[in-house]
Amino acid sequence: MILGDHQRKIRPKVVYDILLKESDEMHPMSTNEIIERLKERGISAERKTLYEDIKLLNAYGYEVLSERGRSNYYYVVDRSFDIAELRILTDAVDAARFVTAKKTAALEKKLTELAGRTGKETLGAKHLRFDVVKLKNENIFYNVDTLDACISAGKKCSFLYFDYDFEGKRSYRKDMEPYIVSPVQMLFEENNYYLLAVSEHPGITAYRVDRMDRVTMEADDAETGNVADISEFRKQVFSMYGGEAVNIELECDESYVNVIVDKFGFDVTMLKLPGNAVRIKVKVQLSPTFFGWLATGGGKIRIAA
């Protein structure tokens, strides 16, 4: 039970939280309902104190509307996100494979609570389902947070790195010896988070954040040196599989230009050829992944030079 001055200080915030989550213009809450909700949270209130709390909220910009009658009714309509925005956000969380199933449920619950009572019902009726294989590393959010802190502080970071074996269990690389790298930037590519870092290998190396364990900030300063342009690195690597960087020319059917833009961006040199052909000049890292990507073109794209 919250008592005394502490109760009086926190009560207006709790009142607003209740109204934000449970009310809207279609579902205003009566004075008695709000008092009952406060009681469930261990906070006592009377009609007069509730009226003063709502008056205080309005005075400081937390708009609470009311309907006058035999019993006053209150509701909140001015929200940070509208239903369409929250729908996009919940769908994005649902579609993100790096967000585990457990964390997906927790985030969707937090987002729907921002929608009010009617919006919560609308968002609860899912019209779109994503056939996504969710990853299982529950620490990925903590990994991202620690890596971001390392980049901001200019410090090295260490972590264990693992693959999955045929039983779906973690198989740690380097016999569980930590990787120690100088982080440069985080990259979100093809539905995965990557850390771009300088290690003992020349240039930049990319590490999957969902395959990291025990991520720790080190005391030593990062040694980034002259780091290549990240946007160029992204275009060349193709799903983080390295290889020799070369300039190549591709020829594709004009109907395939959308795929080229999705992969390389808009700053690509393109030349229209007779008929429906287009020639593209790009720099890539030759790798099995690159040739595999070419194979998905179904004959609509080939290496010309």
C-alpha atoms as a PDB file:
ATOM      1  CA  MET A   1       0.000   0.000   0.000  1.00  0.00           C
ATOM      2  CA  ILE A   2       1.351   3.397  -0.977  1.00  0.00           C
ATOM      3  CA  LEU A   3       0.807   5.967   1.781  1.00  0.00           C
ATOM      4  CA  GLY A   4       1.056   9.655   2.620  1.00  0.00           C
ATOM      5  CA  ASP A   5       2.952  12.180   0.515  1.00  0.00           C
ATOM      6  CA  HIS A   6       4.248   9.521  -1.840  1.00  0.00           C
ATOM      7  CA  GLN A   7       0.687   8.531  -2.695  1.00  0.00           C
ATOM      8  CA  ARG A   8      -0.371  12.117  -3.370  1.00  0.00           C
ATOM      9  CA  LYS A   9       2.638  12.721  -5.629  1.00  0.00           C
ATOM     10  CA  ILE A  10       2.245   9.622  -7.760  1.00  0.00           C
ATOM     11  CA  ARG A  11      -1.571   9.484  -7.936  1.00  0.00           C
ATOM     12  CA  PRO A  12      -2.074  11.955 -10.867  1.00  0.00           C
ATOM     13  CA  LYS A  13       0.423   9.984 -12.979  1.00  0.00           C
ATOM     14  CA  VAL A  14      -1.380   6.730 -12.198  1.00  0.00           C
ATOM     15  CA  VAL A  15      -4.761   8.307 -13.019  1.00  0.00           C
ATOM     16  CA  TYR A  16      -3.444   9.376 -16.416  1.00  0.00           C
ATOM     17  CA  ASP A  17      -1.923   5.941 -17.024  1.00  0.00           C
ATOM     18  CA  ILE A  18      -5.287   4.289 -16.285  1.00  0.00           C
ATOM     19  CA  LEU A  19      -7.168   6.640 -18.604  1.00  0.00           C
ATOM     20  CA  LEU A  20      -4.533   6.286 -21.338  1.00  0.00           C
ATOM     21  CA  LYS A  21      -4.828   2.502 -21.363  1.00  0.00           C
ATOM     22  CA  GLU A  22      -8.521   1.964 -20.632  1.00  0.00           C
ATOM     23  CA  SER A  23     -10.476   4.938 -21.968  1.00  0.00           C
ATOM     24  CA  ASP A  24     -11.268   6.751 -25.204  1.00  0.00           C
ATOM     25  CA  GLU A  25     -14.157   8.859 -26.536  1.00  0.00           C
ATOM     26  CA  MET A  26     -16.254   5.718 -26.979  1.00  0.00           C
ATOM     27  CA  HIS A  27     -15.412   4.343 -23.533  1.00  0.00           C
ATOM     28  CA  PRO A  28     -15.178   7.125 -20.924  1.00  0.00           C
ATOM     29  CA  MET A  29     -14.555   6.042 -17.334  1.00  0.00           C
ATOM     30  CA  SER A  30     -16.703   7.119 -14.433  1.00  0.00           C
ATOM     31  CA  THR A  31     -15.305   8.592 -11.249  1.00  0.00           C
ATOM     32  CA  ASN A  32     -16.136   5.391  -9.375  1.00  0.00           C
ATOM     33  CA  GLU A  33     -14.392   3.239 -12.014  1.00  0.00           C
ATOM     34  CA  ILE A  34     -11.208   5.295 -11.765  1.00  0.00           C
ATOM     35  CA  ILE A  35     -11.283   5.177  -7.943  1.00  0.00           C
ATOM     36  CA  GLU A  36     -11.699   1.393  -8.135  1.00  0.00           C
ATOM     37  CA  ARG A  37      -8.748   1.057 -10.539  1.00  0.00           C
ATOM     38  CA  LEU A  38      -6.624   3.140  -8.194  1.00  0.00           C
ATOM     39  CA  LYS A  39      -7.657   0.924  -5.295  1.00  0.00           C
ATOM     40  CA  GLU A  40      -6.518  -2.141  -7.262  1.00  0.00           C
ATOM     41  CA  ARG A  41      -3.088  -0.526  -7.482  1.00  0.00           C
ATOM     42  CA  GLY A  42      -2.996   0.185  -3.768  1.00  0.00           C
ATOM     43  CA  ILE A  43      -3.819   3.903  -4.031  1.00  0.00           C
ATOM     44  CA  SER A  44      -6.757   5.464  -2.226  1.00  0.00           C
ATOM     45  CA  ALA A  45      -8.734   8.405  -3.684  1.00  0.00           C
ATOM     46  CA  GLU A  46     -11.977  10.272  -3.223  1.00  0.00           C
ATOM     47  CA  ARG A  47     -14.103  12.213  -5.697  1.00  0.00           C
ATOM     48  CA  LYS A  48     -12.639  15.539  -4.602  1.00  0.00           C
ATOM     49  CA  THR A  49      -9.015  14.374  -4.790  1.00  0.00           C
ATOM     50  CA  LEU A  50      -9.641  12.758  -8.170  1.00  0.00           C
ATOM     51  CA  TYR A  51     -11.121  15.999  -9.495  1.00  0.00           C
ATOM     52  CA  GLU A  52      -8.034  17.883  -8.251  1.00  0.00           C
ATOM     53  CA  ASP A  53      -5.700  15.315  -9.875  1.00  0.00           C
ATOM     54  CA  ILE A  54      -7.408  15.684 -13.255  1.00  0.00           C
ATOM     55  CA  LYS A  55      -7.373  19.471 -12.960  1.00  0.00           C
ATOM     56  CA  LEU A  56      -3.626  19.272 -12.268  1.00  0.00           C
ATOM     57  CA  LEU A  57      -3.045  16.996 -15.272  1.00  0.00           C
ATOM     58  CA  ASN A  58      -4.850  19.392 -17.607  1.00  0.00           C
ATOM     59  CA  ALA A  59      -2.910  22.331 -16.214  1.00  0.00           C
ATOM     60  CA  TYR A  60       0.377  20.640 -17.168  1.00  0.00           C
ATOM     61  CA  GLY A  61      -0.691  19.629 -20.683  1.00  0.00           C
ATOM     62  CA  TYR A  62      -1.921  16.083 -20.046  1.00  0.00           C
ATOM     63  CA  GLU A  63      -5.334  16.601 -21.607  1.00  0.00           C
ATOM     64  CA  VAL A  64      -8.148  14.690 -19.935  1.00  0.00           C
ATOM     65  CA  LEU A  65     -11.621  15.305 -21.359  1.00  0.00           C
ATOM     66  CA  SER A  66     -14.816  14.919 -19.380  1.00  0.00           C
ATOM     67  CA  GLU A  67     -18.530  14.353 -19.810  1.00  0.00           C
ATOM     68  CA  ARG A  68     -20.741  15.941 -17.186  1.00  0.00           C
ATOM     69  CA  GLY A  69     -23.744  14.128 -15.793  1.00  0.00           C
ATOM     70  CA  ARG A  70     -25.004  12.587 -12.588  1.00  0.00           C
ATOM     71  CA  SER A  71     -21.510  11.123 -12.439  1.00  0.00           C
ATOM     72  CA  ASN A  72     -18.549  12.642 -14.240  1.00  0.00           C
ATOM     73  CA  TYR A  73     -16.884  10.565 -16.964  1.00  0.00           C
ATOM     74  CA  TYR A  74     -13.316  11.053 -18.129  1.00  0.00           C
ATOM     75  CA  TYR A  75     -11.278   9.930 -21.127  1.00  0.00           C
ATOM     76  CA  VAL A  76      -8.101  10.587 -23.101  1.00  0.00           C
ATOM     77  CA  VAL A  77      -8.023  10.999 -26.887  1.00  0.00           C
ATOM     78  CA  ASP A  78      -4.763  12.847 -27.604  1.00  0.00           C
ATOM     79  CA  ARG A  79      -2.264  10.018 -28.046  1.00  0.00           C
ATOM     80  CA  SER A  80       1.325   9.835 -29.268  1.00  0.00           C
ATOM     81  CA  PHE A  81       0.399   7.327 -31.996  1.00  0.00           C
ATOM     82  CA  ASP A  82      -2.754   6.781 -34.005  1.00  0.00           C
ATOM     83  CA  ILE A  83      -4.098   3.300 -34.760  1.00  0.00           C
ATOM     84  CA  ALA A  84      -2.544   3.101 -38.244  1.00  0.00           C
ATOM     85  CA  GLU A  85       0.902   3.974 -36.858  1.00  0.00           C
ATOM     86  CA  LEU A  86       0.592   1.408 -34.073  1.00  0.00           C
ATOM     87  CA  ARG A  87      -0.590  -1.208 -36.593  1.00  0.00           C
ATOM     88  CA  ILE A  88       2.566  -0.640 -38.657  1.00  0.00           C
ATOM     89  CA  LEU A  89       4.757  -0.854 -35.556  1.00  0.00           C
ATOM     90  CA  THR A  90       3.156  -4.076 -34.278  1.00  0.00           C
ATOM     91  CA  ASP A  91       3.380  -5.629 -37.743  1.00  0.00           C
ATOM     92  CA  ALA A  92       7.046  -4.636 -37.942  1.00  0.00           C
ATOM     93  CA  VAL A  93       7.745  -6.319 -34.605  1.00  0.00           C
ATOM     94  CA  ASP A  94       5.812  -9.402 -35.696  1.00  0.00           C
ATOM     95  CA  ALA A  95       7.772  -9.593 -38.968  1.00  0.00           C
ATOM     96  CA  ALA A  96      11.214  -9.043 -37.420  1.00  0.00           C
ATOM     97  CA  ARG A  97      12.947 -12.422 -37.147  1.00  0.00           C
ATOM     98  CA  PHE A  98      15.616 -11.111 -34.736  1.00  0.00           C
ATOM     99  CA  VAL A  99      12.893 -10.306 -32.164  1.00  0.00           C
ATOM    100  CA  THR A 100      12.245 -13.556 -30.313  1.00  0.00           C
ATOM    101  CA  ALA A 101       8.715 -14.918 -29.903  1.00  0.00           C
ATOM    102  CA  LYS A 102       8.744 -14.037 -26.189  1.00  0.00           C
ATOM    103  CA  LYS A 103       9.951 -10.483 -26.799  1.00  0.00           C
ATOM    104  CA  THR A 104       7.502 -10.084 -29.715  1.00  0.00           C
ATOM    105  CA  ALA A 105       4.572 -10.787 -27.392  1.00  0.00           C
ATOM    106  CA  ALA A 106       5.906  -8.356 -24.770  1.00  0.00           C
ATOM    107  CA  LEU A 107       6.496  -5.530 -27.264  1.00  0.00           C
ATOM    108  CA  GLU A 108       3.127  -5.975 -28.976  1.00  0.00           C
ATOM    109  CA  LYS A 109       1.424  -5.795 -25.571  1.00  0.00           C
ATOM    110  CA  LYS A 110       3.205  -2.503 -24.784  1.00  0.00           C
ATOM    111  CA  LEU A 111       2.291  -1.044 -28.163  1.00  0.00           C
ATOM    112  CA  THR A 112      -1.383  -2.002 -27.973  1.00  0.00           C
ATOM    113  CA  GLU A 113      -1.639  -0.403 -24.522  1.00  0.00           C
ATOM    114  CA  LEU A 114      -0.873   2.937 -26.200  1.00  0.00           C
ATOM    115  CA  ALA A 115      -4.017   2.670 -28.325  1.00  0.00           C
ATOM    116  CA  GLY A 116      -6.748   3.023 -25.710  1.00  0.00           C
ATOM    117  CA  ARG A 117      -9.627   0.622 -25.230  1.00  0.00           C
ATOM    118  CA  THR A 118     -11.127   0.766 -28.734  1.00  0.00           C
ATOM    119  CA  GLY A 119      -7.721   0.802 -30.413  1.00  0.00           C
ATOM    120  CA  LYS A 120      -6.608  -2.147 -28.315  1.00  0.00           C
ATOM    121  CA  GLU A 121      -9.541  -4.173 -29.614  1.00  0.00           C
ATOM    122  CA  THR A 122      -8.754  -3.122 -33.199  1.00  0.00           C
ATOM    123  CA  LEU A 123      -5.079  -4.019 -32.929  1.00  0.00           C
ATOM    124  CA  GLY A 124      -5.962  -7.302 -31.251  1.00  0.00           C
ATOM    125  CA  ALA A 125      -7.787  -8.439 -34.399  1.00  0.00           C
ATOM    126  CA  LYS A 126      -4.753  -9.427 -36.492  1.00  0.00           C
ATOM    127  CA  HIS A 127      -5.458  -9.285 -40.226  1.00  0.00           C
ATOM    128  CA  LEU A 128      -1.891  -9.982 -41.325  1.00  0.00           C
ATOM    129  CA  ARG A 129       0.286 -12.891 -40.290  1.00  0.00           C
ATOM    130  CA  PHE A 130       3.968 -13.280 -41.044  1.00  0.00           C
ATOM    131  CA  ASP A 131       5.545 -16.653 -41.732  1.00  0.00           C
ATOM    132  CA  VAL A 132       8.774 -15.760 -39.966  1.00  0.00           C
ATOM    133  CA  VAL A 133      11.240 -18.059 -38.252  1.00  0.00           C
ATOM    134  CA  LYS A 134      11.925 -16.263 -34.978  1.00  0.00           C
ATOM    135  CA  LEU A 135      15.440 -16.379 -33.548  1.00  0.00           C
ATOM    136  CA  LYS A 136      16.016 -17.694 -30.032  1.00  0.00           C
ATOM    137  CA  ASN A 137      18.646 -15.415 -28.510  1.00  0.00           C
ATOM    138  CA  GLU A 138      16.732 -13.559 -25.806  1.00  0.00           C
ATOM    139  CA  ASN A 139      19.804 -11.412 -25.093  1.00  0.00           C
ATOM    140  CA  ILE A 140      19.818  -9.662 -28.460  1.00  0.00           C
ATOM    141  CA  PHE A 141      18.283  -6.461 -27.046  1.00  0.00           C
ATOM    142  CA  TYR A 142      20.940  -6.343 -24.334  1.00  0.00           C
ATOM    143  CA  ASN A 143      23.614  -7.088 -26.958  1.00  0.00           C
ATOM    144  CA  VAL A 144      22.463  -4.157 -29.091  1.00  0.00           C
ATOM    145  CA  ASP A 145      22.394  -1.868 -26.055  1.00  0.00           C
ATOM    146  CA  THR A 146      25.919  -2.813 -24.949  1.00  0.00           C
ATOM    147  CA  LEU A 147      27.365  -2.588 -28.457  1.00  0.00           C
ATOM    148  CA  ASP A 148      25.769   0.819 -28.962  1.00  0.00           C
ATOM    149  CA  ALA A 149      27.322   1.974 -25.674  1.00  0.00           C
ATOM    150  CA  CYS A 150      30.741   0.712 -26.814  1.00  0.00           C
ATOM    151  CA  ILE A 151      30.492   2.615 -30.111  1.00  0.00           C
ATOM    152  CA  SER A 152      29.404   5.807 -28.336  1.00  0.00           C
ATOM    153  CA  ALA A 153      32.226   5.519 -25.772  1.00  0.00           C
ATOM    154  CA  GLY A 154      34.863   4.576 -28.361  1.00  0.00           C
ATOM    155  CA  LYS A 155      35.733   1.376 -26.502  1.00  0.00           C
ATOM    156  CA  LYS A 156      36.561  -2.139 -27.632  1.00  0.00           C
ATOM    157  CA  CYS A 157      34.068  -4.898 -26.946  1.00  0.00           C
ATOM    158  CA  SER A 158      34.359  -8.623 -26.333  1.00  0.00           C
ATOM    159  CA  PHE A 159      31.898 -11.446 -26.928  1.00  0.00           C
ATOM    160  CA  LEU A 160      31.557 -15.140 -27.484  1.00  0.00           C
ATOM    161  CA  TYR A 161      30.471 -16.099 -30.996  1.00  0.00           C
ATOM    162  CA  PHE A 162      28.524 -19.224 -31.870  1.00  0.00           C
ATOM    163  CA  ASP A 163      26.914 -21.221 -34.668  1.00  0.00           C
ATOM    164  CA  TYR A 164      24.106 -23.759 -34.407  1.00  0.00           C
ATOM    165  CA  ASP A 165      24.898 -27.456 -34.757  1.00  0.00           C
ATOM    166  CA  PHE A 166      22.704 -30.167 -36.296  1.00  0.00           C
ATOM    167  CA  GLU A 167      20.730 -30.457 -33.025  1.00  0.00           C
ATOM    168  CA  GLY A 168      19.993 -26.721 -32.962  1.00  0.00           C
ATOM    169  CA  LYS A 169      22.374 -26.175 -30.034  1.00  0.00           C
ATOM    170  CA  ARG A 170      25.013 -23.489 -29.757  1.00  0.00           C
ATOM    171  CA  SER A 171      28.520 -24.393 -30.906  1.00  0.00           C
ATOM    172  CA  TYR A 172      30.939 -21.704 -29.764  1.00  0.00           C
ATOM    173  CA  ARG A 173      33.793 -20.698 -32.025  1.00  0.00           C
ATOM    174  CA  LYS A 174      37.450 -20.463 -30.895  1.00  0.00           C
ATOM    175  CA  ASP A 175      36.746 -22.929 -28.054  1.00  0.00           C
ATOM    176  CA  MET A 176      34.796 -20.223 -26.210  1.00  0.00           C
ATOM    177  CA  GLU A 177      37.693 -17.768 -26.367  1.00  0.00           C
ATOM    178  CA  PRO A 178      36.234 -14.251 -26.546  1.00  0.00           C
ATOM    179  CA  TYR A 179      36.448 -12.160 -29.678  1.00  0.00           C
ATOM    180  CA  ILE A 180      37.877  -8.706 -28.894  1.00  0.00           C
ATOM    181  CA  VAL A 181      37.130  -6.117 -31.596  1.00  0.00           C
ATOM    182  CA  SER A 182      36.879  -2.390 -32.185  1.00  0.00           C
ATOM    183  CA  PRO A 183      33.224  -1.707 -33.027  1.00  0.00           C
ATOM    184  CA  VAL A 184      32.512   0.745 -35.841  1.00  0.00           C
ATOM    185  CA  GLN A 185      28.789   0.706 -36.552  1.00  0.00           C
ATOM    186  CA  MET A 186      25.620  -1.335 -36.257  1.00  0.00           C
ATOM    187  CA  LEU A 187      23.972  -2.446 -39.477  1.00  0.00           C
ATOM    188  CA  PHE A 188      20.502  -3.883 -40.062  1.00  0.00           C
ATOM    189  CA  GLU A 189      20.584  -5.976 -43.214  1.00  0.00           C
ATOM    190  CA  GLU A 190      18.204  -8.633 -44.545  1.00  0.00           C
ATOM    191  CA  ASN A 191      16.307  -8.803 -41.248  1.00  0.00           C
ATOM    192  CA  ASN A 192      19.383  -9.282 -39.064  1.00  0.00           C
ATOM    193  CA  TYR A 193      21.474  -7.008 -36.875  1.00  0.00           C
ATOM    194  CA  TYR A 194      25.210  -6.967 -37.591  1.00  0.00           C
ATOM    195  CA  LEU A 195      28.139  -5.362 -35.839  1.00  0.00           C
ATOM    196  CA  LEU A 196      30.730  -3.934 -38.219  1.00  0.00           C
ATOM    197  CA  ALA A 197      34.073  -3.999 -36.460  1.00  0.00           C
ATOM    198  CA  VAL A 198      37.827  -3.883 -36.920  1.00  0.00           C
ATOM    199  CA  SER A 199      39.490  -7.066 -35.713  1.00  0.00           C
ATOM    200  CA  GLU A 200      42.721  -8.924 -36.421  1.00  0.00           C
ATOM    201  CA  HIS A 201      41.543  -9.365 -40.017  1.00  0.00           C
ATOM    202  CA  PRO A 202      42.209  -6.604 -42.604  1.00  0.00           C
ATOM    203  CA  GLY A 203      39.382  -4.159 -43.164  1.00  0.00           C
ATOM    204  CA  ILE A 204      35.922  -4.504 -41.643  1.00  0.00           C
ATOM    205  CA  THR A 205      34.409  -7.742 -40.380  1.00  0.00           C
ATOM    206  CA  ALA A 206      30.684  -8.238 -39.854  1.00  0.00           C
ATOM    207  CA  TYR A 207      29.297 -10.236 -36.913  1.00  0.00           C
ATOM    208  CA  ARG A 208      25.705 -11.363 -36.424  1.00  0.00           C
ATOM    209  CA  VAL A 209      24.482  -9.807 -33.175  1.00  0.00           C
ATOM    210  CA  ASP A 210      22.002 -12.635 -32.522  1.00  0.00           C
ATOM    211  CA  ARG A 211      24.940 -15.083 -32.481  1.00  0.00           C
ATOM    212  CA  MET A 212      26.801 -13.217 -29.763  1.00  0.00           C
ATOM    213  CA  ASP A 213      26.886 -14.132 -26.098  1.00  0.00           C
ATOM    214  CA  ARG A 214      28.348 -12.364 -23.035  1.00  0.00           C
ATOM    215  CA  VAL A 215      28.835  -9.035 -24.806  1.00  0.00           C
ATOM    216  CA  THR A 216      31.039  -6.787 -22.656  1.00  0.00           C
ATOM    217  CA  MET A 217      32.562  -3.322 -22.947  1.00  0.00           C
ATOM    218  CA  GLU A 218      36.355  -3.429 -22.591  1.00  0.00           C
ATOM    219  CA  ALA A 219      38.544  -0.779 -20.960  1.00  0.00           C
ATOM    220  CA  ASP A 220      40.777  -0.326 -24.024  1.00  0.00           C
ATOM    221  CA  ASP A 221      39.987   2.364 -26.575  1.00  0.00           C
ATOM    222  CA  ALA A 222      38.746   1.205 -29.966  1.00  0.00           C
ATOM    223  CA  GLU A 223      41.236   1.222 -32.846  1.00  0.00           C
ATOM    224  CA  THR A 224      39.114   2.030 -35.877  1.00  0.00           C
ATOM    225  CA  GLY A 225      41.729   3.804 -37.995  1.00  0.00           C
ATOM    226  CA  ASN A 226      40.682   4.558 -41.574  1.00  0.00           C
ATOM    227  CA  VAL A 227      37.369   2.790 -41.993  1.00  0.00           C
ATOM    228  CA  ALA A 228      35.974   2.277 -45.489  1.00  0.00           C
ATOM    229  CA  ASP A 229      32.647   3.830 -46.419  1.00  0.00           C
ATOM    230  CA  ILE A 230      29.941   1.788 -44.716  1.00  0.00           C
ATOM    231  CA  SER A 231      27.399   2.220 -47.506  1.00  0.00           C
ATOM    232  CA  GLU A 232      29.899   0.839 -50.016  1.00  0.00           C
ATOM    233  CA  PHE A 233      30.712  -2.045 -47.701  1.00  0.00           C
ATOM    234  CA  ARG A 234      27.011  -2.905 -47.445  1.00  0.00           C
ATOM    235  CA  LYS A 235      26.566  -2.945 -51.213  1.00  0.00           C
ATOM    236  CA  GLN A 236      29.600  -5.147 -51.741  1.00  0.00           C
ATOM    237  CA  VAL A 237      29.200  -7.766 -49.060  1.00  0.00           C
ATOM    238  CA  PHE A 238      25.801  -9.303 -49.905  1.00  0.00           C
ATOM    239  CA  SER A 239      24.564 -10.865 -46.688  1.00  0.00           C
ATOM    240  CA  MET A 240      27.942 -10.506 -44.960  1.00  0.00           C
ATOM    241  CA  TYR A 241      29.850 -13.167 -46.910  1.00  0.00           C
ATOM    242  CA  GLY A 242      33.272 -11.807 -47.852  1.00  0.00           C
ATOM    243  CA  GLY A 243      35.274 -12.180 -51.024  1.00  0.00           C
ATOM    244  CA  GLU A 244      37.470 -10.225 -53.426  1.00  0.00           C
ATOM    245  CA  ALA A 245      36.046  -6.759 -54.114  1.00  0.00           C
ATOM    246  CA  VAL A 246      35.777  -6.162 -57.866  1.00  0.00           C
ATOM    247  CA  ASN A 247      34.097  -3.783 -60.277  1.00  0.00           C
ATOM    248  CA  ILE A 248      31.657  -5.601 -62.525  1.00  0.00           C
ATOM    249  CA  GLU A 249      29.028  -4.815 -65.114  1.00  0.00           C
ATOM    250  CA  LEU A 250      25.682  -6.563 -65.037  1.00  0.00           C
ATOM    251  CA  GLU A 251      23.049  -6.708 -67.719  1.00  0.00           C
ATOM    252  CA  CYS A 252      19.441  -7.247 -66.785  1.00  0.00           C
ATOM    253  CA  ASP A 253      15.954  -7.025 -68.173  1.00  0.00           C
ATOM    254  CA  GLU A 254      14.395  -3.606 -67.564  1.00  0.00           C
ATOM    255  CA  SER A 255      11.732  -5.280 -65.433  1.00  0.00           C
ATOM    256  CA  TYR A 256      14.515  -6.294 -63.019  1.00  0.00           C
ATOM    257  CA  VAL A 257      15.598  -2.722 -62.206  1.00  0.00           C
ATOM    258  CA  ASN A 258      13.461  -2.692 -59.027  1.00  0.00           C
ATOM    259  CA  VAL A 259      15.505  -5.607 -57.673  1.00  0.00           C
ATOM    260  CA  ILE A 260      18.746  -3.802 -58.517  1.00  0.00           C
ATOM    261  CA  VAL A 261      17.607  -0.669 -56.673  1.00  0.00           C
ATOM    262  CA  ASP A 262      16.545  -2.718 -53.640  1.00  0.00           C
ATOM    263  CA  LYS A 263      19.978  -4.345 -53.497  1.00  0.00           C
ATOM    264  CA  PHE A 264      22.332  -1.488 -54.464  1.00  0.00           C
ATOM    265  CA  GLY A 265      20.331   1.689 -53.823  1.00  0.00           C
ATOM    266  CA  PHE A 266      19.718   4.568 -56.182  1.00  0.00           C
ATOM    267  CA  ASP A 267      23.335   5.683 -56.681  1.00  0.00           C
ATOM    268  CA  VAL A 268      24.017   3.056 -59.335  1.00  0.00           C
ATOM    269  CA  THR A 269      25.235   3.793 -62.840  1.00  0.00           C
ATOM    270  CA  MET A 270      22.691   2.411 -65.306  1.00  0.00           C
ATOM    271  CA  LEU A 271      22.742   2.537 -69.099  1.00  0.00           C
ATOM    272  CA  LYS A 272      19.714   1.763 -71.257  1.00  0.00           C
ATOM    273  CA  LEU A 273      20.554  -0.637 -74.096  1.00  0.00           C
ATOM    274  CA  PRO A 274      18.538  -1.431 -77.215  1.00  0.00           C
ATOM    275  CA  GLY A 275      15.402  -3.417 -76.495  1.00  0.00           C
ATOM    276  CA  ASN A 276      14.539  -3.984 -72.820  1.00  0.00           C
ATOM    277  CA  ALA A 277      18.116  -4.444 -71.558  1.00  0.00           C
ATOM    278  CA  VAL A 278      19.895  -2.295 -68.948  1.00  0.00           C
ATOM    279  CA  ARG A 279      23.605  -2.351 -68.071  1.00  0.00           C
ATOM    280  CA  ILE A 280      24.628  -1.627 -64.462  1.00  0.00           C
ATOM    281  CA  LYS A 281      28.098  -0.860 -63.092  1.00  0.00           C
ATOM    282  CA  VAL A 282      28.644  -1.859 -59.453  1.00  0.00           C
ATOM    283  CA  LYS A 283      31.351  -2.977 -57.049  1.00  0.00           C
ATOM    284  CA  VAL A 284      30.733  -6.261 -55.227  1.00  0.00           C
ATOM    285  CA  GLN A 285      32.594  -8.862 -53.229  1.00  0.00           C
ATOM    286  CA  LEU A 286      32.714 -12.065 -55.257  1.00  0.00           C
ATOM    287  CA  SER A 287      31.368 -14.839 -53.055  1.00  0.00           C
ATOM    288  CA  PRO A 288      29.036 -17.849 -53.180  1.00  0.00           C
ATOM    289  CA  THR A 289      26.295 -15.600 -51.801  1.00  0.00           C
ATOM    290  CA  PHE A 290      26.715 -13.149 -54.680  1.00  0.00           C
ATOM    291  CA  PHE A 291      26.517 -15.894 -57.298  1.00  0.00           C
ATOM    292  CA  GLY A 292      23.550 -17.369 -55.467  1.00  0.00           C
ATOM    293  CA  TRP A 293      21.833 -13.988 -55.672  1.00  0.00           C
ATOM    294  CA  LEU A 294      22.482 -13.891 -59.408  1.00  0.00           C
ATOM    295  CA  ALA A 295      20.911 -17.334 -59.763  1.00  0.00           C
ATOM    296  CA  THR A 296      17.666 -16.080 -58.209  1.00  0.00           C
ATOM    297  CA  GLY A 297      17.223 -13.771 -61.214  1.00  0.00           C
ATOM    298  CA  GLY A 298      15.809 -16.580 -63.321  1.00  0.00           C
ATOM    299  CA  GLY A 299      17.820 -15.540 -66.374  1.00  0.00           C
ATOM    300  CA  LYS A 300      16.868 -11.863 -66.130  1.00  0.00           C
ATOM    301  CA  ILE A 301      20.365 -10.814 -65.012  1.00  0.00           C
ATOM    302  CA  ARG A 302      23.894 -11.846 -66.012  1.00  0.00           C
ATOM    303  CA  ILE A 303      27.515 -10.733 -65.648  1.00  0.00           C
ATOM    304  CA  ALA A 304      28.481  -8.767 -68.754  1.00  0.00           C
ATOM    305  CA  ALA A 305      32.030  -7.697 -67.860  1.00  0.00           C
END
